C-alpha atoms as a PDB file:
ATOM      1  CA  MET A   1      90.276  66.163  63.737  1.00  0.00           C
ATOM      2  CA  ASN A   2      92.176  69.405  64.354  1.00  0.00           C
ATOM      3  CA  ASN A   3      92.558  71.061  60.969  1.00  0.00           C
ATOM      4  CA  VAL A   4      94.667  73.978  62.380  1.00  0.00           C
ATOM      5  CA  PRO A   5      98.382  73.850  60.849  1.00  0.00           C
ATOM      6  CA  GLN A   6     101.009  73.117  63.578  1.00  0.00           C
ATOM      7  CA  GLU A   7     102.879  76.524  62.626  1.00  0.00           C
ATOM      8  CA  LYS A   8      99.833  78.653  63.671  1.00  0.00           C
ATOM      9  CA  THR A   9      99.240  76.673  66.797  1.00  0.00           C
ATOM     10  CA  ALA A  10     102.935  77.160  67.799  1.00  0.00           C
ATOM     11  CA  ALA A  11     103.007  80.856  66.929  1.00  0.00           C
ATOM     12  CA  GLN A  12      99.910  81.801  69.193  1.00  0.00           C
ATOM     13  CA  PRO A  13     101.820  81.523  72.442  1.00  0.00           C
ATOM     14  CA  GLU A  14     104.574  83.710  70.993  1.00  0.00           C
ATOM     15  CA  MET A  15     102.080  86.254  69.660  1.00  0.00           C
ATOM     16  CA  ALA A  16     100.442  86.700  73.249  1.00  0.00           C
ATOM     17  CA  SER A  17     103.831  86.997  74.741  1.00  0.00           C
ATOM     18  CA  LEU A  18     104.756  89.659  72.362  1.00  0.00           C
ATOM     19  CA  LEU A  19     101.733  91.612  73.027  1.00  0.00           C
ATOM     20  CA  LEU A  20     101.880  91.447  76.668  1.00  0.00           C
ATOM     21  CA  GLY A  21     105.649  92.471  76.564  1.00  0.00           C
ATOM     22  CA  ALA A  22     104.530  95.354  74.325  1.00  0.00           C
ATOM     23  CA  GLY A  23     101.752  96.491  76.750  1.00  0.00           C
ATOM     24  CA  PHE A  24     104.311  96.281  79.654  1.00  0.00           C
ATOM     25  CA  ALA A  25     106.685  98.468  77.612  1.00  0.00           C
ATOM     26  CA  LEU A  26     103.972 101.056  76.684  1.00  0.00           C
ATOM     27  CA  ALA A  27     102.896 101.104  80.374  1.00  0.00           C
ATOM     28  CA  SER A  28     106.482 101.722  81.726  1.00  0.00           C
ATOM     29  CA  LEU A  29     107.467 104.290  79.155  1.00  0.00           C
ATOM     30  CA  ILE A  30     104.141 106.366  78.649  1.00  0.00           C
ATOM     31  CA  LEU A  31     101.402 105.523  80.879  1.00  0.00           C
ATOM     32  CA  LEU A  32     103.359 105.231  84.104  1.00  0.00           C
ATOM     33  CA  PRO A  33     105.136 108.611  83.861  1.00  0.00           C
ATOM     34  CA  ALA A  34     101.982 110.352  83.225  1.00  0.00           C
ATOM     35  CA  VAL A  35     100.071 108.845  85.943  1.00  0.00           C
ATOM     36  CA  ALA A  36     102.922 109.437  88.451  1.00  0.00           C
ATOM     37  CA  GLN A  37     102.993 113.235  87.353  1.00  0.00           C
ATOM     38  CA  ARG A  38      99.269 113.516  87.644  1.00  0.00           C
ATOM     39  CA  ILE A  39      99.341 112.052  91.288  1.00  0.00           C
ATOM     40  CA  GLY A  40     102.494 113.564  92.278  1.00  0.00           C
ATOM     41  CA  LEU A  41     104.988 110.763  92.658  1.00  0.00           C
ATOM     42  CA  GLY A  42     108.575 111.734  92.864  1.00  0.00           C
ATOM     43  CA  SER A  43     111.001 110.939  90.035  1.00  0.00           C
ATOM     44  CA  SER A  44     112.941 108.291  91.908  1.00  0.00           C
ATOM     45  CA  LEU A  45     109.632 106.146  92.738  1.00  0.00           C
ATOM     46  CA  THR A  46     108.546 106.678  89.119  1.00  0.00           C
ATOM     47  CA  ILE A  47     112.030 105.216  87.900  1.00  0.00           C
ATOM     48  CA  ALA A  48     111.913 102.330  90.450  1.00  0.00           C
ATOM     49  CA  LEU A  49     108.363 101.377  89.216  1.00  0.00           C
ATOM     50  CA  ARG A  50     109.415 101.660  85.615  1.00  0.00           C
ATOM     51  CA  GLY A  51     112.373  99.408  86.293  1.00  0.00           C
ATOM     52  CA  ALA A  52     109.908  96.901  87.929  1.00  0.00           C
ATOM     53  CA  LEU A  53     107.612  96.743  84.901  1.00  0.00           C
ATOM     54  CA  MET A  54     110.439  96.364  82.469  1.00  0.00           C
ATOM     55  CA  ARG A  55     111.833  93.367  84.631  1.00  0.00           C
ATOM     56  CA  ALA A  56     108.229  91.782  84.520  1.00  0.00           C
ATOM     57  CA  ALA A  57     108.297  92.243  80.817  1.00  0.00           C
ATOM     58  CA  ASN A  58     111.517  90.509  80.404  1.00  0.00           C
ATOM     59  CA  HIS A  59     110.309  87.368  82.500  1.00  0.00           C
ATOM     60  CA  LEU A  60     107.666  86.679  79.984  1.00  0.00           C
END
């Protein structure tokens, strides 16, 4: 009944994980420092938040 090839259904979770990881990388490298500078966070706190986001991206 399912006419979708097996390769396509197997690749969908990998693509979702890749996109989520790329989103975390974008957030930690570009968005987080910009927001931190805007609200006045210190550099050490910004680095700690960046590290937390990158660890979260690695757990995917």
